[in-house]
Amino acid sequence: MKWKRSERLVDMTRYLIEHPHTLVPLTYFAERYNAAKSSISEDLSIVKETFEAVGMGSLVTLSGASGGVRFIPKVSEEKTHEVIEQLISELGQTDRLLPGGYLFLTDLLGKPQLMNQIGKIFASHFAEQSIDVIMTVATKGIPIAHAIARHLNVPVVIVRQDSKVTEGSTVSINYVSGSTGRIQTMALSKRSMKSGQRVLLTDDFMKAGGTMVGMKNLLKEFECELAGIAVLVEADHPSQTLIDDYVSLVRLSGVDEQRQTIELQQGNIFNY
């Protein structure tokens, strides 16, 4: 089959978007479309210009026999502000306030488009990092972890509060909850990660950071390296926070449970 240029451009764009952070050899496209490498290079130049013009990301070209192109998803600062403003607007509804200063997030975590945007923002922020795995704690961190993983093209591992027979052999650790001071347990299957991998930790809500400390300790057990921490919403408790090196989209700066008021502001993503 001989592809028209318009057909090649559409299919090539689709393929690159579906395979972010993946080095695709020019020979792959040349064989796929039965076209000369020179034509493929011209097509890729058009795709690159379009990606950058609309703020979708960048197309990185690597020369040489083993070279090719790699699509790196990116989100503009303007779009990031737009998503954060949307989050603050929805999270500011007083019926979201839960006992203990928590916010109801489940409905937002179930919105595919919103999660896709959040995942792309975090993936864009950590695009220059070498990340092999996304780690989160079951259950509400799972949608965010998968959204980030989608745009970094890496696997997700899920830490659980208790081991299950379907996980096989596990590594368990005890950690102290930063908000309650209680000793809790988390477990991860031994098959989840390999030694030396760089891991991005993520969760939907961080109050004092005890869960993040627990996951960091798990990384040591697996001889893995911390690549970064991404949090959707952080609670502003400077005297209690156990983690100081993280990225957040929204900060819960104040809660009055009696008056049912919620104070929210932009997280630290632009200051990180």
C-alpha atoms as a PDB file:
ATOM      1  CA  MET A   1       0.000   0.000   0.000  1.00  0.00           C
ATOM      2  CA  LYS A   2       1.275   3.436  -0.953  1.00  0.00           C
ATOM      3  CA  TRP A   3       0.315   6.056   1.612  1.00  0.00           C
ATOM      4  CA  LYS A   4      -0.518   9.648   0.710  1.00  0.00           C
ATOM      5  CA  ARG A   5       1.366  12.292   2.674  1.00  0.00           C
ATOM      6  CA  SER A   6      -1.804  13.404   4.450  1.00  0.00           C
ATOM      7  CA  GLU A   7      -2.450   9.801   5.508  1.00  0.00           C
ATOM      8  CA  ARG A   8       1.130   9.383   6.704  1.00  0.00           C
ATOM      9  CA  LEU A   9       0.960  12.553   8.777  1.00  0.00           C
ATOM     10  CA  VAL A  10      -2.257  11.516  10.508  1.00  0.00           C
ATOM     11  CA  ASP A  11      -1.082   7.985  11.249  1.00  0.00           C
ATOM     12  CA  MET A  12       2.416   9.106  12.250  1.00  0.00           C
ATOM     13  CA  THR A  13       1.006  11.669  14.682  1.00  0.00           C
ATOM     14  CA  ARG A  14      -1.299   9.061  16.213  1.00  0.00           C
ATOM     15  CA  TYR A  15       1.559   6.586  16.617  1.00  0.00           C
ATOM     16  CA  LEU A  16       3.879   9.094  18.285  1.00  0.00           C
ATOM     17  CA  ILE A  17       1.195  10.266  20.725  1.00  0.00           C
ATOM     18  CA  GLU A  18       0.408   6.660  21.658  1.00  0.00           C
ATOM     19  CA  HIS A  19       4.110   5.873  22.229  1.00  0.00           C
ATOM     20  CA  PRO A  20       5.538   8.810  24.244  1.00  0.00           C
ATOM     21  CA  HIS A  21       9.176   8.712  25.358  1.00  0.00           C
ATOM     22  CA  THR A  22       9.812   5.854  22.923  1.00  0.00           C
ATOM     23  CA  LEU A  23      12.645   6.027  20.407  1.00  0.00           C
ATOM     24  CA  VAL A  24      11.136   5.201  17.013  1.00  0.00           C
ATOM     25  CA  PRO A  25      13.676   4.485  14.207  1.00  0.00           C
ATOM     26  CA  LEU A  26      13.091   6.265  10.897  1.00  0.00           C
ATOM     27  CA  THR A  27      13.326   2.862   9.227  1.00  0.00           C
ATOM     28  CA  TYR A  28      10.150   1.834  11.084  1.00  0.00           C
ATOM     29  CA  PHE A  29       8.163   4.648   9.481  1.00  0.00           C
ATOM     30  CA  ALA A  30       9.870   4.158   6.114  1.00  0.00           C
ATOM     31  CA  GLU A  31       8.879   0.494   6.025  1.00  0.00           C
ATOM     32  CA  ARG A  32       5.411   1.135   7.473  1.00  0.00           C
ATOM     33  CA  TYR A  33       4.537   3.702   4.810  1.00  0.00           C
ATOM     34  CA  ASN A  34       6.696   2.309   1.988  1.00  0.00           C
ATOM     35  CA  ALA A  35       8.399   5.689   1.690  1.00  0.00           C
ATOM     36  CA  ALA A  36      11.942   7.032   1.430  1.00  0.00           C
ATOM     37  CA  LYS A  37      13.665   8.198   4.616  1.00  0.00           C
ATOM     38  CA  SER A  38      13.970  11.662   3.131  1.00  0.00           C
ATOM     39  CA  SER A  39      10.166  11.840   2.814  1.00  0.00           C
ATOM     40  CA  ILE A  40       9.752  10.560   6.374  1.00  0.00           C
ATOM     41  CA  SER A  41      12.161  13.231   7.633  1.00  0.00           C
ATOM     42  CA  GLU A  42      10.097  15.924   5.917  1.00  0.00           C
ATOM     43  CA  ASP A  43       6.917  14.514   7.426  1.00  0.00           C
ATOM     44  CA  LEU A  44       8.457  14.486  10.896  1.00  0.00           C
ATOM     45  CA  SER A  45       9.495  18.109  10.510  1.00  0.00           C
ATOM     46  CA  ILE A  46       5.850  19.014   9.866  1.00  0.00           C
ATOM     47  CA  VAL A  47       4.707  16.980  12.887  1.00  0.00           C
ATOM     48  CA  LYS A  48       7.394  18.574  15.067  1.00  0.00           C
ATOM     49  CA  GLU A  49       6.351  22.104  14.068  1.00  0.00           C
ATOM     50  CA  THR A  50       2.693  21.278  14.731  1.00  0.00           C
ATOM     51  CA  PHE A  51       3.375  19.727  18.146  1.00  0.00           C
ATOM     52  CA  GLU A  52       5.348  22.777  19.233  1.00  0.00           C
ATOM     53  CA  ALA A  53       2.876  25.273  17.737  1.00  0.00           C
ATOM     54  CA  VAL A  54      -0.121  23.861  19.608  1.00  0.00           C
ATOM     55  CA  GLY A  55       1.836  23.160  22.806  1.00  0.00           C
ATOM     56  CA  MET A  56       1.476  19.372  22.732  1.00  0.00           C
ATOM     57  CA  GLY A  57       5.153  18.672  23.296  1.00  0.00           C
ATOM     58  CA  SER A  58       8.380  18.276  21.415  1.00  0.00           C
ATOM     59  CA  LEU A  59       9.795  15.809  18.923  1.00  0.00           C
ATOM     60  CA  VAL A  60      13.428  15.002  19.656  1.00  0.00           C
ATOM     61  CA  THR A  61      15.568  13.654  16.827  1.00  0.00           C
ATOM     62  CA  LEU A  62      18.588  11.436  17.466  1.00  0.00           C
ATOM     63  CA  SER A  63      20.985  11.001  14.555  1.00  0.00           C
ATOM     64  CA  GLY A  64      23.097   7.990  13.708  1.00  0.00           C
ATOM     65  CA  ALA A  65      22.479   4.380  12.756  1.00  0.00           C
ATOM     66  CA  SER A  66      20.615   3.701  16.004  1.00  0.00           C
ATOM     67  CA  GLY A  67      18.821   7.042  16.023  1.00  0.00           C
ATOM     68  CA  GLY A  68      15.221   8.007  15.441  1.00  0.00           C
ATOM     69  CA  VAL A  69      12.595  10.292  16.934  1.00  0.00           C
ATOM     70  CA  ARG A  70      11.060  10.493  20.391  1.00  0.00           C
ATOM     71  CA  PHE A  71       7.867  12.349  21.335  1.00  0.00           C
ATOM     72  CA  ILE A  72       8.046  14.161  24.690  1.00  0.00           C
ATOM     73  CA  PRO A  73       4.602  15.326  25.910  1.00  0.00           C
ATOM     74  CA  LYS A  74       4.627  18.822  27.379  1.00  0.00           C
ATOM     75  CA  VAL A  75       2.020  21.133  28.884  1.00  0.00           C
ATOM     76  CA  SER A  76       2.266  24.903  28.653  1.00  0.00           C
ATOM     77  CA  GLU A  77       2.315  27.041  31.781  1.00  0.00           C
ATOM     78  CA  GLU A  78      -0.935  28.633  30.640  1.00  0.00           C
ATOM     79  CA  LYS A  79      -2.674  25.251  30.356  1.00  0.00           C
ATOM     80  CA  THR A  80      -1.286  24.170  33.732  1.00  0.00           C
ATOM     81  CA  HIS A  81      -2.736  27.291  35.361  1.00  0.00           C
ATOM     82  CA  GLU A  82      -6.070  26.544  33.682  1.00  0.00           C
ATOM     83  CA  VAL A  83      -6.206  23.003  35.076  1.00  0.00           C
ATOM     84  CA  ILE A  84      -5.179  24.154  38.561  1.00  0.00           C
ATOM     85  CA  GLU A  85      -7.879  26.836  38.539  1.00  0.00           C
ATOM     86  CA  GLN A  86     -10.422  24.184  37.560  1.00  0.00           C
ATOM     87  CA  LEU A  87      -9.270  21.974  40.426  1.00  0.00           C
ATOM     88  CA  ILE A  88      -9.441  24.818  42.950  1.00  0.00           C
ATOM     89  CA  SER A  89     -12.936  25.732  41.757  1.00  0.00           C
ATOM     90  CA  GLU A  90     -14.233  22.167  42.114  1.00  0.00           C
ATOM     91  CA  LEU A  91     -12.396  21.408  45.357  1.00  0.00           C
ATOM     92  CA  GLY A  92     -13.610  24.614  46.953  1.00  0.00           C
ATOM     93  CA  GLN A  93     -17.190  23.343  47.194  1.00  0.00           C
ATOM     94  CA  THR A  94     -18.023  23.133  50.901  1.00  0.00           C
ATOM     95  CA  ASP A  95     -19.726  19.750  50.627  1.00  0.00           C
ATOM     96  CA  ARG A  96     -16.301  18.227  49.890  1.00  0.00           C
ATOM     97  CA  LEU A  97     -15.073  18.869  53.432  1.00  0.00           C
ATOM     98  CA  LEU A  98     -14.569  15.656  55.406  1.00  0.00           C
ATOM     99  CA  PRO A  99     -13.810  15.151  59.125  1.00  0.00           C
ATOM    100  CA  GLY A 100     -10.144  15.565  59.978  1.00  0.00           C
ATOM    101  CA  GLY A 101      -9.472  18.236  57.369  1.00  0.00           C
ATOM    102  CA  TYR A 102      -9.624  15.956  54.345  1.00  0.00           C
ATOM    103  CA  LEU A 103     -11.360  16.640  51.033  1.00  0.00           C
ATOM    104  CA  PHE A 104     -13.617  14.351  49.018  1.00  0.00           C
ATOM    105  CA  LEU A 105     -11.709  13.655  45.779  1.00  0.00           C
ATOM    106  CA  THR A 106     -13.164  10.388  44.494  1.00  0.00           C
ATOM    107  CA  ASP A 107     -15.430  11.919  41.830  1.00  0.00           C
ATOM    108  CA  LEU A 108     -12.573  13.974  40.372  1.00  0.00           C
ATOM    109  CA  LEU A 109     -10.277  10.960  40.316  1.00  0.00           C
ATOM    110  CA  GLY A 110     -12.893   9.203  38.201  1.00  0.00           C
ATOM    111  CA  LYS A 111     -12.933  11.827  35.434  1.00  0.00           C
ATOM    112  CA  PRO A 112     -10.810  10.471  32.537  1.00  0.00           C
ATOM    113  CA  GLN A 113     -10.188  13.802  30.805  1.00  0.00           C
ATOM    114  CA  LEU A 114      -9.202  15.585  34.011  1.00  0.00           C
ATOM    115  CA  MET A 115      -6.917  12.726  35.062  1.00  0.00           C
ATOM    116  CA  ASN A 116      -5.334  12.735  31.619  1.00  0.00           C
ATOM    117  CA  GLN A 117      -4.559  16.449  31.940  1.00  0.00           C
ATOM    118  CA  ILE A 118      -3.167  16.027  35.460  1.00  0.00           C
ATOM    119  CA  GLY A 119      -1.049  13.086  34.364  1.00  0.00           C
ATOM    120  CA  LYS A 120       0.337  15.041  31.434  1.00  0.00           C
ATOM    121  CA  ILE A 121       1.186  18.028  33.670  1.00  0.00           C
ATOM    122  CA  PHE A 122       3.202  15.864  36.056  1.00  0.00           C
ATOM    123  CA  ALA A 123       4.778  13.928  33.166  1.00  0.00           C
ATOM    124  CA  SER A 124       5.743  17.225  31.555  1.00  0.00           C
ATOM    125  CA  HIS A 125       7.276  18.457  34.809  1.00  0.00           C
ATOM    126  CA  PHE A 126       9.394  15.318  35.208  1.00  0.00           C
ATOM    127  CA  ALA A 127      10.092  14.858  31.488  1.00  0.00           C
ATOM    128  CA  GLU A 128      13.816  15.516  31.875  1.00  0.00           C
ATOM    129  CA  GLN A 129      14.164  13.011  34.701  1.00  0.00           C
ATOM    130  CA  SER A 130      15.050   9.396  34.100  1.00  0.00           C
ATOM    131  CA  ILE A 131      12.002   7.568  35.491  1.00  0.00           C
ATOM    132  CA  ASP A 132      11.466   3.810  35.278  1.00  0.00           C
ATOM    133  CA  VAL A 133       8.429   3.267  37.513  1.00  0.00           C
ATOM    134  CA  ILE A 134       5.500   5.163  39.064  1.00  0.00           C
ATOM    135  CA  MET A 135       4.652   4.068  42.628  1.00  0.00           C
ATOM    136  CA  THR A 136       1.505   4.843  44.607  1.00  0.00           C
ATOM    137  CA  VAL A 137      -0.521   3.502  47.528  1.00  0.00           C
ATOM    138  CA  ALA A 138      -3.886   1.828  46.971  1.00  0.00           C
ATOM    139  CA  THR A 139      -6.419   3.004  46.278  1.00  0.00           C
ATOM    140  CA  LYS A 140      -7.050   6.653  45.398  1.00  0.00           C
ATOM    141  CA  GLY A 141      -3.548   7.286  44.111  1.00  0.00           C
ATOM    142  CA  ILE A 142      -4.004   4.680  41.367  1.00  0.00           C
ATOM    143  CA  PRO A 143      -5.805   6.911  38.786  1.00  0.00           C
ATOM    144  CA  ILE A 144      -3.115   9.588  39.107  1.00  0.00           C
ATOM    145  CA  ALA A 145      -0.302   7.050  38.866  1.00  0.00           C
ATOM    146  CA  HIS A 146      -1.725   5.534  35.687  1.00  0.00           C
ATOM    147  CA  ALA A 147      -2.349   8.980  34.191  1.00  0.00           C
ATOM    148  CA  ILE A 148       1.297   9.971  34.721  1.00  0.00           C
ATOM    149  CA  ALA A 149       2.546   6.589  33.529  1.00  0.00           C
ATOM    150  CA  ARG A 150       0.520   6.952  30.327  1.00  0.00           C
ATOM    151  CA  HIS A 151       2.516  10.052  29.339  1.00  0.00           C
ATOM    152  CA  LEU A 152       5.899   8.798  30.557  1.00  0.00           C
ATOM    153  CA  ASN A 153       5.300   5.323  29.107  1.00  0.00           C
ATOM    154  CA  VAL A 154       6.464   3.492  32.236  1.00  0.00           C
ATOM    155  CA  PRO A 155       4.808   0.851  34.466  1.00  0.00           C
ATOM    156  CA  VAL A 156       2.890   1.437  37.705  1.00  0.00           C
ATOM    157  CA  VAL A 157       3.439  -0.431  40.974  1.00  0.00           C
ATOM    158  CA  ILE A 158       0.852  -0.338  43.745  1.00  0.00           C
ATOM    159  CA  VAL A 159       1.724  -0.492  47.426  1.00  0.00           C
ATOM    160  CA  ARG A 160      -0.973  -2.025  49.632  1.00  0.00           C
ATOM    161  CA  GLN A 161      -1.774  -1.728  53.312  1.00  0.00           C
ATOM    162  CA  ASP A 162      -1.858  -5.507  53.602  1.00  0.00           C
ATOM    163  CA  SER A 163      -0.386  -8.238  51.420  1.00  0.00           C
ATOM    164  CA  LYS A 164      -2.658 -10.412  49.271  1.00  0.00           C
ATOM    165  CA  VAL A 165      -2.095 -13.967  48.092  1.00  0.00           C
ATOM    166  CA  THR A 166      -2.288 -12.782  44.474  1.00  0.00           C
ATOM    167  CA  GLU A 167       0.803 -10.627  45.032  1.00  0.00           C
ATOM    168  CA  GLY A 168       3.070 -13.585  45.769  1.00  0.00           C
ATOM    169  CA  SER A 169       6.012 -12.924  48.082  1.00  0.00           C
ATOM    170  CA  THR A 170       6.030  -9.371  49.427  1.00  0.00           C
ATOM    171  CA  VAL A 171       8.260  -6.932  51.267  1.00  0.00           C
ATOM    172  CA  SER A 172       6.502  -5.289  54.214  1.00  0.00           C
ATOM    173  CA  ILE A 173       7.577  -2.322  56.329  1.00  0.00           C
ATOM    174  CA  ASN A 174       6.123  -0.406  59.251  1.00  0.00           C
ATOM    175  CA  TYR A 175       5.864   3.367  59.117  1.00  0.00           C
ATOM    176  CA  VAL A 176       4.443   6.111  61.309  1.00  0.00           C
ATOM    177  CA  SER A 177       1.506   8.078  59.959  1.00  0.00           C
ATOM    178  CA  GLY A 178       2.445  11.739  60.072  1.00  0.00           C
ATOM    179  CA  SER A 179      -1.116  12.895  60.714  1.00  0.00           C
ATOM    180  CA  THR A 180      -2.184  10.349  63.373  1.00  0.00           C
ATOM    181  CA  GLY A 181       1.137   9.190  64.784  1.00  0.00           C
ATOM    182  CA  ARG A 182       0.021   5.576  64.496  1.00  0.00           C
ATOM    183  CA  ILE A 183       2.222   2.750  63.268  1.00  0.00           C
ATOM    184  CA  GLN A 184       0.908   1.299  60.018  1.00  0.00           C
ATOM    185  CA  THR A 185       2.071  -1.317  57.524  1.00  0.00           C
ATOM    186  CA  MET A 186       2.581  -1.252  53.767  1.00  0.00           C
ATOM    187  CA  ALA A 187       3.574  -4.108  51.475  1.00  0.00           C
ATOM    188  CA  LEU A 188       4.818  -4.499  47.905  1.00  0.00           C
ATOM    189  CA  SER A 189       5.280  -7.603  45.795  1.00  0.00           C
ATOM    190  CA  LYS A 190       8.932  -8.633  45.349  1.00  0.00           C
ATOM    191  CA  ARG A 191       8.281  -8.919  41.615  1.00  0.00           C
ATOM    192  CA  SER A 192       7.146  -5.304  41.290  1.00  0.00           C
ATOM    193  CA  MET A 193      10.533  -3.641  40.809  1.00  0.00           C
ATOM    194  CA  LYS A 194      14.134  -4.364  39.964  1.00  0.00           C
ATOM    195  CA  SER A 195      17.172  -3.079  41.823  1.00  0.00           C
ATOM    196  CA  GLY A 196      18.489   0.253  40.548  1.00  0.00           C
ATOM    197  CA  GLN A 197      15.246   1.596  39.082  1.00  0.00           C
ATOM    198  CA  ARG A 198      14.357   5.268  39.460  1.00  0.00           C
ATOM    199  CA  VAL A 199      10.889   5.719  40.920  1.00  0.00           C
ATOM    200  CA  LEU A 200       8.393   8.595  40.936  1.00  0.00           C
ATOM    201  CA  LEU A 201       6.079   8.518  43.972  1.00  0.00           C
ATOM    202  CA  THR A 202       2.566   9.943  43.709  1.00  0.00           C
ATOM    203  CA  ASP A 203      -0.640  10.228  45.725  1.00  0.00           C
ATOM    204  CA  ASP A 204      -3.902  12.147  45.662  1.00  0.00           C
ATOM    205  CA  PHE A 205      -3.589  13.841  49.060  1.00  0.00           C
ATOM    206  CA  MET A 206      -0.648  14.481  51.369  1.00  0.00           C
ATOM    207  CA  LYS A 207      -1.327  15.761  54.869  1.00  0.00           C
ATOM    208  CA  ALA A 208       1.917  15.258  56.770  1.00  0.00           C
ATOM    209  CA  GLY A 209       3.857  12.961  54.451  1.00  0.00           C
ATOM    210  CA  GLY A 210       3.974   9.782  56.507  1.00  0.00           C
ATOM    211  CA  THR A 211       2.809   7.634  53.598  1.00  0.00           C
ATOM    212  CA  MET A 212       5.462   9.135  51.348  1.00  0.00           C
ATOM    213  CA  VAL A 213       8.127   8.406  53.953  1.00  0.00           C
ATOM    214  CA  GLY A 214       6.897   4.824  54.054  1.00  0.00           C
ATOM    215  CA  MET A 215       7.180   4.485  50.266  1.00  0.00           C
ATOM    216  CA  LYS A 216      10.659   6.027  50.350  1.00  0.00           C
ATOM    217  CA  ASN A 217      11.682   3.399  52.891  1.00  0.00           C
ATOM    218  CA  LEU A 218      10.293   0.701  50.598  1.00  0.00           C
ATOM    219  CA  LEU A 219      12.530   1.988  47.812  1.00  0.00           C
ATOM    220  CA  LYS A 220      15.540   1.348  50.027  1.00  0.00           C
ATOM    221  CA  GLU A 221      14.402  -2.242  50.575  1.00  0.00           C
ATOM    222  CA  PHE A 222      14.297  -2.727  46.800  1.00  0.00           C
ATOM    223  CA  GLU A 223      17.577  -0.806  46.323  1.00  0.00           C
ATOM    224  CA  CYS A 224      15.787   1.673  44.076  1.00  0.00           C
ATOM    225  CA  GLU A 225      16.278   5.425  43.760  1.00  0.00           C
ATOM    226  CA  LEU A 226      13.786   8.225  44.372  1.00  0.00           C
ATOM    227  CA  ALA A 227      13.267  10.263  41.190  1.00  0.00           C
ATOM    228  CA  GLY A 228      10.615  12.637  42.540  1.00  0.00           C
ATOM    229  CA  ILE A 229       7.292  13.033  44.359  1.00  0.00           C
ATOM    230  CA  ALA A 230       4.065  14.268  42.733  1.00  0.00           C
ATOM    231  CA  VAL A 231       1.012  15.160  44.845  1.00  0.00           C
ATOM    232  CA  LEU A 232      -2.374  16.314  43.611  1.00  0.00           C
ATOM    233  CA  VAL A 233      -3.371  18.141  46.828  1.00  0.00           C
ATOM    234  CA  GLU A 234      -1.171  18.932  49.817  1.00  0.00           C
ATOM    235  CA  ALA A 235      -2.398  20.117  53.200  1.00  0.00           C
ATOM    236  CA  ASP A 236      -0.520  23.105  54.573  1.00  0.00           C
ATOM    237  CA  HIS A 237       0.942  21.804  57.850  1.00  0.00           C
ATOM    238  CA  PRO A 238       4.520  23.127  57.904  1.00  0.00           C
ATOM    239  CA  SER A 239       5.164  22.064  61.494  1.00  0.00           C
ATOM    240  CA  GLN A 240       4.197  18.450  60.781  1.00  0.00           C
ATOM    241  CA  THR A 241       5.276  17.819  57.185  1.00  0.00           C
ATOM    242  CA  LEU A 242       7.792  14.977  56.957  1.00  0.00           C
ATOM    243  CA  ILE A 243       8.536  15.526  53.240  1.00  0.00           C
ATOM    244  CA  ASP A 244      10.013  18.734  51.851  1.00  0.00           C
ATOM    245  CA  ASP A 245      10.999  17.779  48.291  1.00  0.00           C
ATOM    246  CA  TYR A 246       7.810  17.290  46.267  1.00  0.00           C
ATOM    247  CA  VAL A 247       5.608  18.831  43.580  1.00  0.00           C
ATOM    248  CA  SER A 248       1.948  19.686  44.196  1.00  0.00           C
ATOM    249  CA  LEU A 249      -0.805  21.180  42.054  1.00  0.00           C
ATOM    250  CA  VAL A 250      -3.093  22.470  44.826  1.00  0.00           C
ATOM    251  CA  ARG A 251      -2.471  23.448  48.442  1.00  0.00           C
ATOM    252  CA  LEU A 252      -5.171  23.183  51.082  1.00  0.00           C
ATOM    253  CA  SER A 253      -4.143  26.197  53.145  1.00  0.00           C
ATOM    254  CA  GLY A 254      -7.000  26.410  55.610  1.00  0.00           C
ATOM    255  CA  VAL A 255     -10.085  24.555  56.821  1.00  0.00           C
ATOM    256  CA  ASP A 256     -12.793  25.580  59.264  1.00  0.00           C
ATOM    257  CA  GLU A 257     -14.992  22.549  59.930  1.00  0.00           C
ATOM    258  CA  GLN A 258     -17.461  24.531  62.033  1.00  0.00           C
ATOM    259  CA  ARG A 259     -17.989  27.251  59.451  1.00  0.00           C
ATOM    260  CA  GLN A 260     -17.572  24.766  56.576  1.00  0.00           C
ATOM    261  CA  THR A 261     -14.991  26.896  54.756  1.00  0.00           C
ATOM    262  CA  ILE A 262     -12.135  25.709  52.564  1.00  0.00           C
ATOM    263  CA  GLU A 263      -9.123  27.820  51.585  1.00  0.00           C
ATOM    264  CA  LEU A 264      -7.224  26.609  48.518  1.00  0.00           C
ATOM    265  CA  GLN A 265      -4.383  27.993  46.487  1.00  0.00           C
ATOM    266  CA  GLN A 266      -1.949  26.970  43.800  1.00  0.00           C
ATOM    267  CA  GLY A 267       0.606  24.336  44.800  1.00  0.00           C
ATOM    268  CA  ASN A 268       4.347  24.634  44.446  1.00  0.00           C
ATOM    269  CA  ILE A 269       4.694  23.246  40.902  1.00  0.00           C
ATOM    270  CA  PHE A 270       5.966  26.551  39.488  1.00  0.00           C
ATOM    271  CA  ASN A 271       8.429  27.018  42.364  1.00  0.00           C
ATOM    272  CA  TYR A 272       9.916  23.549  42.315  1.00  0.00           C
END
